[in-house]
Amino acid sequence: MSVATMTSKGQITLPRDVRDDLNLKEGDRVSFEKIGESYVLRPQNKSVMELAGILHMPGERALTIEEMDDKLGEALAEDDARIRSYGTRRVRGR
């Protein structure tokens, strides 16, 4: 178990073994999430390239950029239509 001491300014230095385990380097960011009565420290030092493929569904073929653009366009058009119809209903309902 590693221990750190807080300064009067509320700062702590993470022990070397913790930094090494989390692969933290100078300038890296960390997040703190409260879970029950405890906090979880998570490194925020992954590059976008390391996240490539995390949403892939095994057995399904990957979409092309054009297919992704088309699906995004369809979703935006549906969302736009929903927003516009909501505004129209509010005006008529007055």
PDB file of N, CA and C in Angstrom:
ATOM      1  N   MET A   1       0.847  -1.173   0.000  1.00  0.00           N
ATOM      2  CA  MET A   1       0.000   0.000   0.000  1.00  0.00           C
ATOM      3  C   MET A   1       0.893   1.237   0.000  1.00  0.00           C
ATOM      4  N   SER A   2       0.559   2.201  -0.842  1.00  0.00           N
ATOM      5  CA  SER A   2       1.310   3.441  -0.934  1.00  0.00           C
ATOM      6  C   SER A   2       0.577   4.537  -0.183  1.00  0.00           C
ATOM      7  N   VAL A   3       1.329   5.462   0.405  1.00  0.00           N
ATOM      8  CA  VAL A   3       0.763   6.556   1.180  1.00  0.00           C
ATOM      9  C   VAL A   3       1.383   7.863   0.705  1.00  0.00           C
ATOM     10  N   ALA A   4       0.564   8.926   0.658  1.00  0.00           N
ATOM     11  CA  ALA A   4       1.049  10.258   0.303  1.00  0.00           C
ATOM     12  C   ALA A   4       0.551  11.236   1.358  1.00  0.00           C
ATOM     13  N   THR A   5       1.262  12.335   1.516  1.00  0.00           N
ATOM     14  CA  THR A   5       0.899  13.368   2.481  1.00  0.00           C
ATOM     15  C   THR A   5       0.449  14.613   1.734  1.00  0.00           C
ATOM     16  N   MET A   6      -0.648  15.201   2.176  1.00  0.00           N
ATOM     17  CA  MET A   6      -1.171  16.414   1.542  1.00  0.00           C
ATOM     18  C   MET A   6      -0.466  17.641   2.124  1.00  0.00           C
ATOM     19  N   THR A   7      -0.152  18.593   1.227  1.00  0.00           N
ATOM     20  CA  THR A   7       0.449  19.849   1.664  1.00  0.00           C
ATOM     21  C   THR A   7      -0.642  20.806   2.132  1.00  0.00           C
ATOM     22  N   SER A   8      -0.239  21.956   2.670  1.00  0.00           N
ATOM     23  CA  SER A   8      -1.197  22.959   3.124  1.00  0.00           C
ATOM     24  C   SER A   8      -2.016  23.518   1.960  1.00  0.00           C
ATOM     25  N   LYS A   9      -1.519  23.362   0.729  1.00  0.00           N
ATOM     26  CA  LYS A   9      -2.240  23.824  -0.461  1.00  0.00           C
ATOM     27  C   LYS A   9      -3.139  22.742  -1.057  1.00  0.00           C
ATOM     28  N   GLY A  10      -3.255  21.616  -0.384  1.00  0.00           N
ATOM     29  CA  GLY A  10      -4.120  20.541  -0.867  1.00  0.00           C
ATOM     30  C   GLY A  10      -3.481  19.680  -1.938  1.00  0.00           C
ATOM     31  N   GLN A  11      -2.173  19.749  -2.094  1.00  0.00           N
ATOM     32  CA  GLN A  11      -1.481  18.981  -3.126  1.00  0.00           C
ATOM     33  C   GLN A  11      -0.862  17.726  -2.534  1.00  0.00           C
ATOM     34  N   ILE A  12      -0.814  16.677  -3.364  1.00  0.00           N
ATOM     35  CA  ILE A  12      -0.114  15.452  -2.976  1.00  0.00           C
ATOM     36  C   ILE A  12       0.794  15.039  -4.122  1.00  0.00           C
ATOM     37  N   THR A  13       1.830  14.320  -3.779  1.00  0.00           N
ATOM     38  CA  THR A  13       2.688  13.714  -4.791  1.00  0.00           C
ATOM     39  C   THR A  13       2.371  12.237  -4.791  1.00  0.00           C
ATOM     40  N   LEU A  14       1.995  11.728  -5.966  1.00  0.00           N
ATOM     41  CA  LEU A  14       1.707  10.303  -6.053  1.00  0.00           C
ATOM     42  C   LEU A  14       3.013   9.527  -5.914  1.00  0.00           C
ATOM     43  N   PRO A  15       3.014   8.496  -5.098  1.00  0.00           N
ATOM     44  CA  PRO A  15       4.229   7.689  -4.946  1.00  0.00           C
ATOM     45  C   PRO A  15       4.665   7.096  -6.294  1.00  0.00           C
ATOM     46  N   ARG A  16       5.969   6.898  -6.440  1.00  0.00           N
ATOM     47  CA  ARG A  16       6.532   6.410  -7.699  1.00  0.00           C
ATOM     48  C   ARG A  16       5.864   5.124  -8.174  1.00  0.00           C
ATOM     49  N   ASP A  17       5.614   4.178  -7.258  1.00  0.00           N
ATOM     50  CA  ASP A  17       5.025   2.908  -7.698  1.00  0.00           C
ATOM     51  C   ASP A  17       3.631   3.112  -8.277  1.00  0.00           C
ATOM     52  N   VAL A  18       2.874   4.062  -7.747  1.00  0.00           N
ATOM     53  CA  VAL A  18       1.529   4.355  -8.275  1.00  0.00           C
ATOM     54  C   VAL A  18       1.661   4.984  -9.656  1.00  0.00           C
ATOM     55  N   ARG A  19       2.567   5.964  -9.793  1.00  0.00           N
ATOM     56  CA  ARG A  19       2.784   6.611 -11.097  1.00  0.00           C
ATOM     57  C   ARG A  19       3.224   5.590 -12.133  1.00  0.00           C
ATOM     58  N   ASP A  20       4.116   4.699 -11.742  1.00  0.00           N
ATOM     59  CA  ASP A  20       4.599   3.668 -12.673  1.00  0.00           C
ATOM     60  C   ASP A  20       3.483   2.709 -13.065  1.00  0.00           C
ATOM     61  N   ASP A  21       2.691   2.264 -12.083  1.00  0.00           N
ATOM     62  CA  ASP A  21       1.588   1.338 -12.369  1.00  0.00           C
ATOM     63  C   ASP A  21       0.571   1.960 -13.329  1.00  0.00           C
ATOM     64  N   LEU A  22       0.318   3.268 -13.175  1.00  0.00           N
ATOM     65  CA  LEU A  22      -0.660   3.958 -14.022  1.00  0.00           C
ATOM     66  C   LEU A  22      -0.026   4.542 -15.285  1.00  0.00           C
ATOM     67  N   ASN A  23       1.286   4.343 -15.433  1.00  0.00           N
ATOM     68  CA  ASN A  23       2.025   4.861 -16.586  1.00  0.00           C
ATOM     69  C   ASN A  23       1.852   6.376 -16.716  1.00  0.00           C
ATOM     70  N   LEU A  24       1.881   7.073 -15.596  1.00  0.00           N
ATOM     71  CA  LEU A  24       1.704   8.529 -15.586  1.00  0.00           C
ATOM     72  C   LEU A  24       3.027   9.229 -15.800  1.00  0.00           C
ATOM     73  N   LYS A  25       2.984  10.234 -16.643  1.00  0.00           N
ATOM     74  CA  LYS A  25       4.154  11.064 -16.922  1.00  0.00           C
ATOM     75  C   LYS A  25       3.824  12.512 -16.560  1.00  0.00           C
ATOM     76  N   GLU A  26       4.841  13.354 -16.492  1.00  0.00           N
ATOM     77  CA  GLU A  26       4.631  14.765 -16.183  1.00  0.00           C
ATOM     78  C   GLU A  26       3.632  15.372 -17.163  1.00  0.00           C
ATOM     79  N   GLY A  27       2.644  16.093 -16.632  1.00  0.00           N
ATOM     80  CA  GLY A  27       1.636  16.744 -17.466  1.00  0.00           C
ATOM     81  C   GLY A  27       0.397  15.902 -17.724  1.00  0.00           C
ATOM     82  N   ASP A  28       0.445  14.584 -17.409  1.00  0.00           N
ATOM     83  CA  ASP A  28      -0.737  13.738 -17.590  1.00  0.00           C
ATOM     84  C   ASP A  28      -1.832  14.173 -16.630  1.00  0.00           C
ATOM     85  N   ARG A  29      -3.063  13.929 -17.036  1.00  0.00           N
ATOM     86  CA  ARG A  29      -4.221  14.263 -16.202  1.00  0.00           C
ATOM     87  C   ARG A  29      -4.759  12.987 -15.568  1.00  0.00           C
ATOM     88  N   VAL A  30      -5.385  13.150 -14.411  1.00  0.00           N
ATOM     89  CA  VAL A  30      -6.054  12.037 -13.739  1.00  0.00           C
ATOM     90  C   VAL A  30      -7.458  12.496 -13.356  1.00  0.00           C
ATOM     91  N   SER A  31      -8.371  11.547 -13.299  1.00  0.00           N
ATOM     92  CA  SER A  31      -9.729  11.872 -12.858  1.00  0.00           C
ATOM     93  C   SER A  31      -9.982  11.154 -11.541  1.00  0.00           C
ATOM     94  N   PHE A  32     -10.891  11.719 -10.761  1.00  0.00           N
ATOM     95  CA  PHE A  32     -11.276  11.140  -9.481  1.00  0.00           C
ATOM     96  C   PHE A  32     -12.774  10.898  -9.519  1.00  0.00           C
ATOM     97  N   GLU A  33     -13.190   9.676  -9.265  1.00  0.00           N
ATOM     98  CA  GLU A  33     -14.618   9.332  -9.272  1.00  0.00           C
ATOM     99  C   GLU A  33     -15.000   8.802  -7.894  1.00  0.00           C
ATOM    100  N   LYS A  34     -16.047   9.392  -7.327  1.00  0.00           N
ATOM    101  CA  LYS A  34     -16.516   8.938  -6.023  1.00  0.00           C
ATOM    102  C   LYS A  34     -17.431   7.739  -6.224  1.00  0.00           C
ATOM    103  N   ILE A  35     -17.095   6.651  -5.553  1.00  0.00           N
ATOM    104  CA  ILE A  35     -17.903   5.432  -5.593  1.00  0.00           C
ATOM    105  C   ILE A  35     -18.165   5.039  -4.146  1.00  0.00           C
ATOM    106  N   GLY A  36     -19.399   5.258  -3.709  1.00  0.00           N
ATOM    107  CA  GLY A  36     -19.725   5.007  -2.308  1.00  0.00           C
ATOM    108  C   GLY A  36     -18.948   5.957  -1.423  1.00  0.00           C
ATOM    109  N   GLU A  37     -18.188   5.415  -0.498  1.00  0.00           N
ATOM    110  CA  GLU A  37     -17.389   6.222   0.421  1.00  0.00           C
ATOM    111  C   GLU A  37     -15.944   6.362  -0.048  1.00  0.00           C
ATOM    112  N   SER A  38     -15.620   5.832  -1.218  1.00  0.00           N
ATOM    113  CA  SER A  38     -14.240   5.846  -1.706  1.00  0.00           C
ATOM    114  C   SER A  38     -14.134   6.627  -3.007  1.00  0.00           C
ATOM    115  N   TYR A  39     -12.906   6.939  -3.371  1.00  0.00           N
ATOM    116  CA  TYR A  39     -12.617   7.579  -4.652  1.00  0.00           C
ATOM    117  C   TYR A  39     -11.727   6.665  -5.472  1.00  0.00           C
ATOM    118  N   VAL A  40     -11.961   6.675  -6.779  1.00  0.00           N
ATOM    119  CA  VAL A  40     -11.137   5.906  -7.702  1.00  0.00           C
ATOM    120  C   VAL A  40     -10.359   6.902  -8.549  1.00  0.00           C
ATOM    121  N   LEU A  41      -9.061   6.710  -8.627  1.00  0.00           N
ATOM    122  CA  LEU A  41      -8.168   7.546  -9.423  1.00  0.00           C
ATOM    123  C   LEU A  41      -7.954   6.854 -10.763  1.00  0.00           C
ATOM    124  N   ARG A  42      -8.206   7.585 -11.861  1.00  0.00           N
ATOM    125  CA  ARG A  42      -8.044   7.000 -13.190  1.00  0.00           C
ATOM    126  C   ARG A  42      -7.145   7.896 -14.042  1.00  0.00           C
ATOM    127  N   PRO A  43      -6.148   7.299 -14.695  1.00  0.00           N
ATOM    128  CA  PRO A  43      -5.308   8.106 -15.585  1.00  0.00           C
ATOM    129  C   PRO A  43      -6.098   8.530 -16.811  1.00  0.00           C
ATOM    130  N   GLN A  44      -5.847   9.740 -17.268  1.00  0.00           N
ATOM    131  CA  GLN A  44      -6.488  10.253 -18.478  1.00  0.00           C
ATOM    132  C   GLN A  44      -5.389  10.504 -19.514  1.00  0.00           C
ATOM    133  N   ASN A  45      -4.521   9.517 -19.677  1.00  0.00           N
ATOM    134  CA  ASN A  45      -3.350   9.692 -20.513  1.00  0.00           C
ATOM    135  C   ASN A  45      -3.344   8.830 -21.768  1.00  0.00           C
ATOM    136  N   LYS A  46      -4.490   8.328 -22.175  1.00  0.00           N
ATOM    137  CA  LYS A  46      -4.548   7.527 -23.395  1.00  0.00           C
ATOM    138  C   LYS A  46      -4.730   8.436 -24.601  1.00  0.00           C
ATOM    139  N   SER A  47      -4.039   8.107 -25.672  1.00  0.00           N
ATOM    140  CA  SER A  47      -4.218   8.869 -26.902  1.00  0.00           C
ATOM    141  C   SER A  47      -5.456   8.340 -27.627  1.00  0.00           C
ATOM    142  N   VAL A  48      -5.967   9.127 -28.509  1.00  0.00           N
ATOM    143  CA  VAL A  48      -7.134   8.725 -29.293  1.00  0.00           C
ATOM    144  C   VAL A  48      -6.826   7.455 -30.077  1.00  0.00           C
ATOM    145  N   MET A  49      -5.622   7.329 -30.567  1.00  0.00           N
ATOM    146  CA  MET A  49      -5.241   6.159 -31.360  1.00  0.00           C
ATOM    147  C   MET A  49      -5.323   4.867 -30.538  1.00  0.00           C
ATOM    148  N   GLU A  50      -5.070   4.937 -29.237  1.00  0.00           N
ATOM    149  CA  GLU A  50      -5.168   3.757 -28.389  1.00  0.00           C
ATOM    150  C   GLU A  50      -6.618   3.298 -28.233  1.00  0.00           C
ATOM    151  N   LEU A  51      -7.564   4.204 -28.458  1.00  0.00           N
ATOM    152  CA  LEU A  51      -8.974   3.871 -28.308  1.00  0.00           C
ATOM    153  C   LEU A  51      -9.580   3.298 -29.588  1.00  0.00           C
ATOM    154  N   ALA A  52      -8.830   3.325 -30.672  1.00  0.00           N
ATOM    155  CA  ALA A  52      -9.339   2.840 -31.957  1.00  0.00           C
ATOM    156  C   ALA A  52      -9.801   1.393 -31.827  1.00  0.00           C
ATOM    157  N   GLY A  53     -11.012   1.132 -32.292  1.00  0.00           N
ATOM    158  CA  GLY A  53     -11.539  -0.221 -32.315  1.00  0.00           C
ATOM    159  C   GLY A  53     -12.246  -0.671 -31.054  1.00  0.00           C
ATOM    160  N   ILE A  54     -12.346   0.168 -30.024  1.00  0.00           N
ATOM    161  CA  ILE A  54     -12.954  -0.310 -28.779  1.00  0.00           C
ATOM    162  C   ILE A  54     -14.454  -0.521 -28.914  1.00  0.00           C
ATOM    163  N   LEU A  55     -15.068   0.079 -29.927  1.00  0.00           N
ATOM    164  CA  LEU A  55     -16.513  -0.082 -30.095  1.00  0.00           C
ATOM    165  C   LEU A  55     -16.868  -1.137 -31.139  1.00  0.00           C
ATOM    166  N   HIS A  56     -15.870  -1.837 -31.642  1.00  0.00           N
ATOM    167  CA  HIS A  56     -16.124  -2.857 -32.659  1.00  0.00           C
ATOM    168  C   HIS A  56     -16.945  -4.003 -32.079  1.00  0.00           C
ATOM    169  N   MET A  57     -17.968  -4.406 -32.822  1.00  0.00           N
ATOM    170  CA  MET A  57     -18.798  -5.534 -32.407  1.00  0.00           C
ATOM    171  C   MET A  57     -18.296  -6.780 -33.131  1.00  0.00           C
ATOM    172  N   PRO A  58     -17.796  -7.778 -32.408  1.00  0.00           N
ATOM    173  CA  PRO A  58     -17.295  -8.995 -33.058  1.00  0.00           C
ATOM    174  C   PRO A  58     -18.363  -9.597 -33.962  1.00  0.00           C
ATOM    175  N   GLY A  59     -17.955 -10.016 -35.145  1.00  0.00           N
ATOM    176  CA  GLY A  59     -18.878 -10.627 -36.093  1.00  0.00           C
ATOM    177  C   GLY A  59     -19.521  -9.632 -37.036  1.00  0.00           C
ATOM    178  N   GLU A  60     -19.399  -8.339 -36.780  1.00  0.00           N
ATOM    179  CA  GLU A  60     -19.965  -7.319 -37.659  1.00  0.00           C
ATOM    180  C   GLU A  60     -18.831  -6.625 -38.401  1.00  0.00           C
ATOM    181  N   ARG A  61     -19.074  -6.317 -39.672  1.00  0.00           N
ATOM    182  CA  ARG A  61     -18.033  -5.648 -40.448  1.00  0.00           C
ATOM    183  C   ARG A  61     -17.992  -4.175 -40.058  1.00  0.00           C
ATOM    184  N   ALA A  62     -16.817  -3.608 -40.120  1.00  0.00           N
ATOM    185  CA  ALA A  62     -16.645  -2.195 -39.792  1.00  0.00           C
ATOM    186  C   ALA A  62     -17.262  -1.339 -40.896  1.00  0.00           C
ATOM    187  N   LEU A  63     -17.857  -0.212 -40.523  1.00  0.00           N
ATOM    188  CA  LEU A  63     -18.432   0.713 -41.496  1.00  0.00           C
ATOM    189  C   LEU A  63     -17.334   1.524 -42.166  1.00  0.00           C
ATOM    190  N   THR A  64     -17.575   1.895 -43.408  1.00  0.00           N
ATOM    191  CA  THR A  64     -16.655   2.797 -44.089  1.00  0.00           C
ATOM    192  C   THR A  64     -16.931   4.214 -43.600  1.00  0.00           C
ATOM    193  N   ILE A  65     -16.019   5.112 -43.897  1.00  0.00           N
ATOM    194  CA  ILE A  65     -16.206   6.515 -43.523  1.00  0.00           C
ATOM    195  C   ILE A  65     -17.481   7.054 -44.161  1.00  0.00           C
ATOM    196  N   GLU A  66     -17.725   6.692 -45.417  1.00  0.00           N
ATOM    197  CA  GLU A  66     -18.931   7.163 -46.114  1.00  0.00           C
ATOM    198  C   GLU A  66     -20.192   6.658 -45.426  1.00  0.00           C
ATOM    199  N   GLU A  67     -20.193   5.386 -45.010  1.00  0.00           N
ATOM    200  CA  GLU A  67     -21.355   4.824 -44.315  1.00  0.00           C
ATOM    201  C   GLU A  67     -21.572   5.521 -42.969  1.00  0.00           C
ATOM    202  N   MET A  68     -20.470   5.818 -42.266  1.00  0.00           N
ATOM    203  CA  MET A  68     -20.595   6.529 -40.994  1.00  0.00           C
ATOM    204  C   MET A  68     -21.158   7.930 -41.222  1.00  0.00           C
ATOM    205  N   ASP A  69     -20.656   8.613 -42.263  1.00  0.00           N
ATOM    206  CA  ASP A  69     -21.175   9.940 -42.593  1.00  0.00           C
ATOM    207  C   ASP A  69     -22.671   9.887 -42.895  1.00  0.00           C
ATOM    208  N   ASP A  70     -23.093   8.886 -43.690  1.00  0.00           N
ATOM    209  CA  ASP A  70     -24.511   8.744 -44.041  1.00  0.00           C
ATOM    210  C   ASP A  70     -25.363   8.523 -42.796  1.00  0.00           C
ATOM    211  N   LYS A  71     -24.919   7.614 -41.927  1.00  0.00           N
ATOM    212  CA  LYS A  71     -25.692   7.316 -40.711  1.00  0.00           C
ATOM    213  C   LYS A  71     -25.744   8.529 -39.778  1.00  0.00           C
ATOM    214  N   LEU A  72     -24.641   9.250 -39.686  1.00  0.00           N
ATOM    215  CA  LEU A  72     -24.625  10.454 -38.867  1.00  0.00           C
ATOM    216  C   LEU A  72     -25.573  11.502 -39.440  1.00  0.00           C
ATOM    217  N   GLY A  73     -25.560  11.657 -40.772  1.00  0.00           N
ATOM    218  CA  GLY A  73     -26.473  12.598 -41.424  1.00  0.00           C
ATOM    219  C   GLY A  73     -27.927  12.243 -41.176  1.00  0.00           C
ATOM    220  N   GLU A  74     -28.252  10.949 -41.256  1.00  0.00           N
ATOM    221  CA  GLU A  74     -29.621  10.499 -41.001  1.00  0.00           C
ATOM    222  C   GLU A  74     -30.025  10.810 -39.562  1.00  0.00           C
ATOM    223  N   ALA A  75     -29.132  10.523 -38.626  1.00  0.00           N
ATOM    224  CA  ALA A  75     -29.444  10.768 -37.216  1.00  0.00           C
ATOM    225  C   ALA A  75     -29.632  12.256 -36.950  1.00  0.00           C
ATOM    226  N   LEU A  76     -28.794  13.085 -37.549  1.00  0.00           N
ATOM    227  CA  LEU A  76     -28.931  14.536 -37.360  1.00  0.00           C
ATOM    228  C   LEU A  76     -30.229  15.052 -37.974  1.00  0.00           C
ATOM    229  N   ALA A  77     -30.602  14.522 -39.152  1.00  0.00           N
ATOM    230  CA  ALA A  77     -31.848  14.941 -39.794  1.00  0.00           C
ATOM    231  C   ALA A  77     -33.053  14.560 -38.932  1.00  0.00           C
ATOM    232  N   GLU A  78     -33.031  13.344 -38.365  1.00  0.00           N
ATOM    233  CA  GLU A  78     -34.123  12.908 -37.494  1.00  0.00           C
ATOM    234  C   GLU A  78     -34.194  13.794 -36.244  1.00  0.00           C
ATOM    235  N   ASP A  79     -33.036  14.092 -35.673  1.00  0.00           N
ATOM    236  CA  ASP A  79     -32.999  14.937 -34.484  1.00  0.00           C
ATOM    237  C   ASP A  79     -33.502  16.340 -34.806  1.00  0.00           C
ATOM    238  N   ASP A  80     -33.092  16.881 -35.947  1.00  0.00           N
ATOM    239  CA  ASP A  80     -33.538  18.201 -36.368  1.00  0.00           C
ATOM    240  C   ASP A  80     -35.059  18.222 -36.549  1.00  0.00           C
ATOM    241  N   ALA A  81     -35.606  17.187 -37.198  1.00  0.00           N
ATOM    242  CA  ALA A  81     -37.055  17.110 -37.409  1.00  0.00           C
ATOM    243  C   ALA A  81     -37.791  17.036 -36.071  1.00  0.00           C
ATOM    244  N   ARG A  82     -37.230  16.264 -35.135  1.00  0.00           N
ATOM    245  CA  ARG A  82     -37.860  16.134 -33.817  1.00  0.00           C
ATOM    246  C   ARG A  82     -37.867  17.492 -33.109  1.00  0.00           C
ATOM    247  N   ILE A  83     -36.753  18.201 -33.167  1.00  0.00           N
ATOM    248  CA  ILE A  83     -36.663  19.503 -32.497  1.00  0.00           C
ATOM    249  C   ILE A  83     -37.634  20.490 -33.133  1.00  0.00           C
ATOM    250  N   ARG A  84     -37.681  20.501 -34.455  1.00  0.00           N
ATOM    251  CA  ARG A  84     -38.577  21.435 -35.148  1.00  0.00           C
ATOM    252  C   ARG A  84     -40.048  21.131 -34.845  1.00  0.00           C
ATOM    253  N   SER A  85     -40.409  19.852 -34.790  1.00  0.00           N
ATOM    254  CA  SER A  85     -41.811  19.517 -34.519  1.00  0.00           C
ATOM    255  C   SER A  85     -42.173  19.847 -33.080  1.00  0.00           C
ATOM    256  N   TYR A  86     -41.236  19.728 -32.165  1.00  0.00           N
ATOM    257  CA  TYR A  86     -41.501  20.080 -30.777  1.00  0.00           C
ATOM    258  C   TYR A  86     -41.809  21.571 -30.670  1.00  0.00           C
ATOM    259  N   GLY A  87     -40.996  22.394 -31.330  1.00  0.00           N
ATOM    260  CA  GLY A  87     -41.227  23.838 -31.307  1.00  0.00           C
ATOM    261  C   GLY A  87     -42.561  24.206 -31.923  1.00  0.00           C
ATOM    262  N   THR A  88     -42.943  23.534 -33.005  1.00  0.00           N
ATOM    263  CA  THR A  88     -44.219  23.801 -33.679  1.00  0.00           C
ATOM    264  C   THR A  88     -45.385  23.441 -32.768  1.00  0.00           C
ATOM    265  N   ARG A  89     -45.288  22.312 -32.086  1.00  0.00           N
ATOM    266  CA  ARG A  89     -46.374  21.887 -31.164  1.00  0.00           C
ATOM    267  C   ARG A  89     -46.513  22.885 -30.035  1.00  0.00           C
ATOM    268  N   ARG A  90     -45.423  23.409 -29.510  1.00  0.00           N
ATOM    269  CA  ARG A  90     -45.490  24.364 -28.398  1.00  0.00           C
ATOM    270  C   ARG A  90     -46.184  25.641 -28.836  1.00  0.00           C
ATOM    271  N   VAL A  91     -45.874  26.114 -30.037  1.00  0.00           N
ATOM    272  CA  VAL A  91     -46.480  27.360 -30.528  1.00  0.00           C
ATOM    273  C   VAL A  91     -47.976  27.139 -30.733  1.00  0.00           C
ATOM    274  N   ARG A  92     -48.347  26.017 -31.341  1.00  0.00           N
ATOM    275  CA  ARG A  92     -49.770  25.736 -31.591  1.00  0.00           C
ATOM    276  C   ARG A  92     -50.530  25.522 -30.294  1.00  0.00           C
ATOM    277  N   GLY A  93     -49.859  24.982 -29.271  1.00  0.00           N
ATOM    278  CA  GLY A  93     -50.554  24.659 -28.024  1.00  0.00           C
ATOM    279  C   GLY A  93     -50.862  25.855 -27.155  1.00  0.00           C
ATOM    280  N   ARG A  94     -50.360  27.001 -27.477  1.00  0.00           N
ATOM    281  CA  ARG A  94     -50.569  28.197 -26.642  1.00  0.00           C
ATOM    282  C   ARG A  94     -51.951  28.726 -26.734  1.00  0.00           C
TER     283      ARG A  94
END
